[in-house]
Amino acid sequence: PYYIDSNQTLFAEVTLHSTAPNLQVFIDTCTASPQPDFGSLTYDLIRSGCNKDDTVVTYPAFENHGRFKFRAFRFLRSFPSVYLQCDVVICDSNTTNSRCARGCISRQRRATS
């Protein structure tokens, strides 16, 4: 566990330990939950590479690191802990149409006609 106060800035980093050249780390989705099993109550910080919380700041990919920060929060008043779970994509940095290169993918709304 990592203990912090509410509203304090929390920095998170994912590091790929590999000797393979040209690999890039991309944080696709990060979800928070007051339950370690990520049951019914969850909150998206990052979804499909897009920041979903106003306090999230993602940093550009740097070598084999994916980094972001956000302001710590509590779920309602009855849950003192927050768990994080992130999905990470590893791409070849030389591929221009990879998932890493595409970045944020927001869903298009369908026409109602």
Protein backbone atom coordinates (compact mmCIF):
# COMPACT_ATOMS: atom_id res chain seq x y z
CA PRO A 1 0.00 0.00 0.00
CA TYR A 2 0.93 3.59 -0.62
CA TYR A 3 -0.54 6.06 1.88
CA ILE A 4 -1.46 9.56 0.76
CA ASP A 5 -3.98 12.25 1.65
CA SER A 6 -7.03 13.09 -0.45
CA ASN A 7 -6.39 15.67 -3.17
CA GLN A 8 -2.65 14.96 -3.11
CA THR A 9 -1.03 14.45 -6.52
CA LEU A 10 -0.10 10.83 -7.18
CA PHE A 11 2.41 9.90 -9.88
CA ALA A 12 2.26 6.46 -11.54
CA GLU A 13 4.74 4.86 -13.90
CA VAL A 14 4.90 1.64 -15.86
CA THR A 15 8.36 0.48 -16.89
CA LEU A 16 9.15 -2.24 -19.40
CA HIS A 17 12.30 -4.16 -18.51
CA SER A 18 13.49 -5.59 -21.81
CA THR A 19 16.64 -5.68 -23.87
CA ALA A 20 14.60 -5.61 -27.10
CA PRO A 21 15.11 -2.31 -28.93
CA ASN A 22 12.36 -0.02 -30.22
CA LEU A 23 9.65 -1.02 -27.75
CA GLN A 24 7.22 1.61 -26.47
CA VAL A 25 4.87 1.52 -23.48
CA PHE A 26 1.34 2.89 -23.85
CA ILE A 27 -1.13 3.17 -20.96
CA ASP A 28 -4.45 2.23 -22.53
CA THR A 29 -6.81 2.04 -19.55
CA CYS A 30 -6.53 2.70 -15.80
CA THR A 31 -9.46 2.08 -13.50
CA ALA A 32 -9.85 2.80 -9.79
CA SER A 33 -12.03 0.90 -7.34
CA PRO A 34 -12.55 0.77 -3.57
CA GLN A 35 -12.56 -3.05 -3.86
CA PRO A 36 -9.48 -5.14 -4.73
CA ASP A 37 -11.58 -7.38 -6.99
CA PHE A 38 -12.85 -4.36 -9.00
CA GLY A 39 -16.49 -5.35 -8.46
CA SER A 40 -19.45 -3.13 -9.17
CA LEU A 41 -18.01 0.26 -8.14
CA THR A 42 -15.26 1.49 -10.49
CA TYR A 43 -14.07 4.80 -11.85
CA ASP A 44 -12.13 5.32 -15.08
CA LEU A 45 -9.05 7.52 -14.92
CA ILE A 46 -7.92 6.60 -18.45
CA ARG A 47 -10.03 4.70 -21.02
CA SER A 48 -8.83 3.76 -24.53
CA GLY A 49 -5.88 6.12 -24.11
CA CYS A 50 -8.15 9.09 -23.26
CA ASN A 51 -8.02 10.92 -19.93
CA LYS A 52 -11.45 10.51 -18.29
CA ASP A 53 -10.75 12.39 -15.05
CA ASP A 54 -10.08 16.14 -15.08
CA THR A 55 -7.03 15.72 -12.83
CA VAL A 56 -5.26 13.12 -15.01
CA VAL A 57 -2.19 14.25 -16.92
CA THR A 58 -0.47 11.69 -19.14
CA TYR A 59 3.12 12.24 -20.16
CA PRO A 60 4.48 11.48 -23.65
CA ALA A 61 6.07 8.04 -24.01
CA PHE A 62 9.70 8.13 -22.98
CA GLU A 63 11.86 5.15 -23.95
CA ASN A 64 10.34 2.22 -22.07
CA HIS A 65 8.19 4.21 -19.60
CA GLY A 66 4.50 5.11 -19.48
CA ARG A 67 3.67 7.84 -16.95
CA PHE A 68 0.67 9.73 -15.64
CA LYS A 69 -0.44 11.66 -12.59
CA PHE A 70 -3.79 12.37 -10.95
CA ARG A 71 -5.22 13.81 -7.76
CA ALA A 72 -5.99 11.23 -5.09
CA PHE A 73 -9.62 10.80 -4.07
CA ARG A 74 -11.90 8.67 -1.92
CA PHE A 75 -14.92 6.68 -3.04
CA LEU A 76 -17.80 8.35 -1.24
CA ARG A 77 -17.07 8.59 2.48
CA SER A 78 -17.24 4.93 3.42
CA PHE A 79 -14.25 3.55 1.47
CA PRO A 80 -10.83 4.55 2.81
CA SER A 81 -8.82 2.66 0.13
CA VAL A 82 -8.54 3.04 -3.62
CA TYR A 83 -7.07 0.32 -5.83
CA LEU A 84 -5.67 0.93 -9.31
CA GLN A 85 -5.66 -1.47 -12.24
CA CYS A 86 -4.11 -0.55 -15.59
CA ASP A 87 -4.02 -2.18 -19.02
CA VAL A 88 -0.78 -1.47 -20.83
CA VAL A 89 0.10 -2.01 -24.50
CA ILE A 90 3.64 -2.65 -25.74
CA CYS A 91 4.30 -1.58 -29.35
CA ASP A 92 7.14 -1.37 -31.82
CA SER A 93 8.03 2.33 -31.79
CA ASN A 94 8.87 2.18 -35.51
CA THR A 95 5.31 1.19 -36.49
CA THR A 96 3.39 4.35 -37.38
CA ASN A 97 -0.12 2.84 -37.20
CA SER A 98 0.32 0.89 -33.95
CA ARG A 99 -2.04 1.22 -30.98
CA CYS A 100 0.63 3.28 -29.23
CA ALA A 101 0.92 5.72 -32.14
CA ARG A 102 -2.86 6.22 -32.40
CA GLY A 103 -3.15 7.51 -28.82
CA CYS A 104 -6.62 8.46 -27.55
CA ILE A 105 -9.43 6.64 -29.34
CA SER A 106 -12.79 8.19 -28.51
CA ARG A 107 -15.92 6.47 -29.71
CA GLN A 108 -17.89 8.26 -32.38
CA ARG A 109 -21.54 8.97 -31.60
CA ARG A 110 -24.03 7.46 -33.96
CA ALA A 111 -26.60 9.55 -35.78
CA THR A 112 -30.15 9.18 -34.46
CA SER A 113 -31.79 9.32 -37.88
